[in-house]
Amino acid sequence: MGLSFDLLINAVIAGVTVVGEAMALADALGLSEELVTGALANGPLAGIAGRAFAQGANYPLRLAAKDVTLATASADLICPELSGQRICG
């Protein structure tokens, strides 16, 4: 169960990353942070946005690295730089 739960958490982290990318795009487009955070917090990404904007959340880098290692070891990944060869963790 532990590995499965870690992979689930990784999915949430990926969603938080999407929110970060959306914020960077919004900034590049000149949209105010207040406008964008409000729109994200009240739209279909509200749950993920809430996690992304949480104050006091603590997720140490060493745990993120461990989870990425677990996720890549469990996934069937294709690397375009290796001419479509499959890679494993």
C-alpha atoms as a PDB file:
ATOM      1  CA  MET A   1       0.000   0.000   0.000  1.00  0.00           C
ATOM      2  CA  GLY A   2       2.863   2.417   0.736  1.00  0.00           C
ATOM      3  CA  LEU A   3       4.183   2.506  -2.827  1.00  0.00           C
ATOM      4  CA  SER A   4       0.692   2.886  -4.266  1.00  0.00           C
ATOM      5  CA  PHE A   5      -0.002   5.777  -1.934  1.00  0.00           C
ATOM      6  CA  ASP A   6       3.311   7.420  -2.881  1.00  0.00           C
ATOM      7  CA  LEU A   7       2.364   7.188  -6.555  1.00  0.00           C
ATOM      8  CA  LEU A   8      -1.003   8.746  -5.791  1.00  0.00           C
ATOM      9  CA  ILE A   9       0.728  11.613  -4.004  1.00  0.00           C
ATOM     10  CA  ASN A  10       2.975  12.049  -7.055  1.00  0.00           C
ATOM     11  CA  ALA A  11      -0.120  12.575  -9.188  1.00  0.00           C
ATOM     12  CA  VAL A  12      -1.149  15.408  -6.873  1.00  0.00           C
ATOM     13  CA  ILE A  13       2.351  16.875  -7.074  1.00  0.00           C
ATOM     14  CA  ALA A  14       2.126  16.790 -10.874  1.00  0.00           C
ATOM     15  CA  GLY A  15      -1.107  18.753 -10.608  1.00  0.00           C
ATOM     16  CA  VAL A  16       0.544  21.327  -8.380  1.00  0.00           C
ATOM     17  CA  THR A  17       3.262  21.639 -11.027  1.00  0.00           C
ATOM     18  CA  VAL A  18       0.584  22.374 -13.638  1.00  0.00           C
ATOM     19  CA  VAL A  19      -0.728  25.180 -11.426  1.00  0.00           C
ATOM     20  CA  GLY A  20       2.803  26.586 -11.177  1.00  0.00           C
ATOM     21  CA  GLU A  21       3.181  26.489 -14.950  1.00  0.00           C
ATOM     22  CA  ALA A  22      -0.183  28.211 -15.348  1.00  0.00           C
ATOM     23  CA  MET A  23       0.952  30.934 -12.949  1.00  0.00           C
ATOM     24  CA  ALA A  24       4.173  31.423 -14.933  1.00  0.00           C
ATOM     25  CA  LEU A  25       2.186  31.682 -18.174  1.00  0.00           C
ATOM     26  CA  ALA A  26      -0.227  34.132 -16.602  1.00  0.00           C
ATOM     27  CA  ASP A  27       2.694  36.265 -15.448  1.00  0.00           C
ATOM     28  CA  ALA A  28       4.193  36.222 -18.958  1.00  0.00           C
ATOM     29  CA  LEU A  29       0.817  37.322 -20.324  1.00  0.00           C
ATOM     30  CA  GLY A  30       0.653  40.181 -17.839  1.00  0.00           C
ATOM     31  CA  LEU A  31      -2.287  38.844 -15.822  1.00  0.00           C
ATOM     32  CA  SER A  32      -2.386  39.779 -12.161  1.00  0.00           C
ATOM     33  CA  GLU A  33      -1.546  37.109  -9.610  1.00  0.00           C
ATOM     34  CA  GLU A  34      -4.712  37.915  -7.668  1.00  0.00           C
ATOM     35  CA  LEU A  35      -6.903  37.417 -10.750  1.00  0.00           C
ATOM     36  CA  VAL A  36      -5.260  34.130 -11.695  1.00  0.00           C
ATOM     37  CA  THR A  37      -5.180  32.622  -8.204  1.00  0.00           C
ATOM     38  CA  GLY A  38      -8.857  33.491  -7.782  1.00  0.00           C
ATOM     39  CA  ALA A  39      -9.792  31.938 -11.127  1.00  0.00           C
ATOM     40  CA  LEU A  40      -7.823  28.761 -10.419  1.00  0.00           C
ATOM     41  CA  ALA A  41      -9.168  28.459  -6.883  1.00  0.00           C
ATOM     42  CA  ASN A  42     -12.750  28.683  -8.144  1.00  0.00           C
ATOM     43  CA  GLY A  43     -12.445  26.552 -11.273  1.00  0.00           C
ATOM     44  CA  PRO A  44     -12.027  22.867 -12.079  1.00  0.00           C
ATOM     45  CA  LEU A  45      -8.514  22.877 -10.589  1.00  0.00           C
ATOM     46  CA  ALA A  46      -9.710  24.228  -7.239  1.00  0.00           C
ATOM     47  CA  GLY A  47      -8.495  21.250  -5.212  1.00  0.00           C
ATOM     48  CA  ILE A  48      -5.045  21.223  -6.751  1.00  0.00           C
ATOM     49  CA  ALA A  49      -4.839  25.021  -6.645  1.00  0.00           C
ATOM     50  CA  GLY A  50      -5.675  24.942  -2.942  1.00  0.00           C
ATOM     51  CA  ARG A  51      -2.744  22.601  -2.361  1.00  0.00           C
ATOM     52  CA  ALA A  52      -0.452  24.706  -4.542  1.00  0.00           C
ATOM     53  CA  PHE A  53      -1.341  27.919  -2.721  1.00  0.00           C
ATOM     54  CA  ALA A  54      -1.276  26.402   0.788  1.00  0.00           C
ATOM     55  CA  GLN A  55       0.789  28.276   3.328  1.00  0.00           C
ATOM     56  CA  GLY A  56       3.019  26.286   5.626  1.00  0.00           C
ATOM     57  CA  ALA A  57       2.983  23.142   3.485  1.00  0.00           C
ATOM     58  CA  ASN A  58       6.225  21.225   3.879  1.00  0.00           C
ATOM     59  CA  TYR A  59       7.404  18.651   1.357  1.00  0.00           C
ATOM     60  CA  PRO A  60      11.168  18.130   1.620  1.00  0.00           C
ATOM     61  CA  LEU A  61      13.118  17.724  -1.609  1.00  0.00           C
ATOM     62  CA  ARG A  62      14.537  14.381  -0.439  1.00  0.00           C
ATOM     63  CA  LEU A  63      11.007  12.973  -0.251  1.00  0.00           C
ATOM     64  CA  ALA A  64      10.162  14.313  -3.688  1.00  0.00           C
ATOM     65  CA  ALA A  65      13.299  12.667  -5.094  1.00  0.00           C
ATOM     66  CA  LYS A  66      12.366   9.371  -3.426  1.00  0.00           C
ATOM     67  CA  ASP A  67       8.857   9.530  -4.864  1.00  0.00           C
ATOM     68  CA  VAL A  68      10.086  10.355  -8.365  1.00  0.00           C
ATOM     69  CA  THR A  69      12.424   7.362  -8.158  1.00  0.00           C
ATOM     70  CA  LEU A  70       9.525   5.115  -7.095  1.00  0.00           C
ATOM     71  CA  ALA A  71       7.246   6.463  -9.821  1.00  0.00           C
ATOM     72  CA  THR A  72       9.782   6.052 -12.617  1.00  0.00           C
ATOM     73  CA  ALA A  73      10.626   2.540 -11.449  1.00  0.00           C
ATOM     74  CA  SER A  74       6.931   1.646 -11.733  1.00  0.00           C
ATOM     75  CA  ALA A  75       6.287   3.304 -15.098  1.00  0.00           C
ATOM     76  CA  ASP A  76       6.922   2.183 -18.643  1.00  0.00           C
ATOM     77  CA  LEU A  77       8.608   5.324 -19.943  1.00  0.00           C
ATOM     78  CA  ILE A  78       9.660   6.191 -23.489  1.00  0.00           C
ATOM     79  CA  CYS A  79      12.512   8.642 -23.986  1.00  0.00           C
ATOM     80  CA  PRO A  80      12.359  10.589 -27.306  1.00  0.00           C
ATOM     81  CA  GLU A  81      16.059  11.434 -26.993  1.00  0.00           C
ATOM     82  CA  LEU A  82      16.839   7.709 -27.176  1.00  0.00           C
ATOM     83  CA  SER A  83      14.895   7.201 -30.420  1.00  0.00           C
ATOM     84  CA  GLY A  84      11.842   5.935 -28.613  1.00  0.00           C
ATOM     85  CA  GLN A  85      13.683   3.312 -26.574  1.00  0.00           C
ATOM     86  CA  ARG A  86      11.986   2.233 -23.401  1.00  0.00           C
ATOM     87  CA  ILE A  87      13.711   3.088 -20.184  1.00  0.00           C
ATOM     88  CA  CYS A  88      13.131   1.711 -16.738  1.00  0.00           C
ATOM     89  CA  GLY A  89      13.738   3.382 -13.377  1.00  0.00           C
END
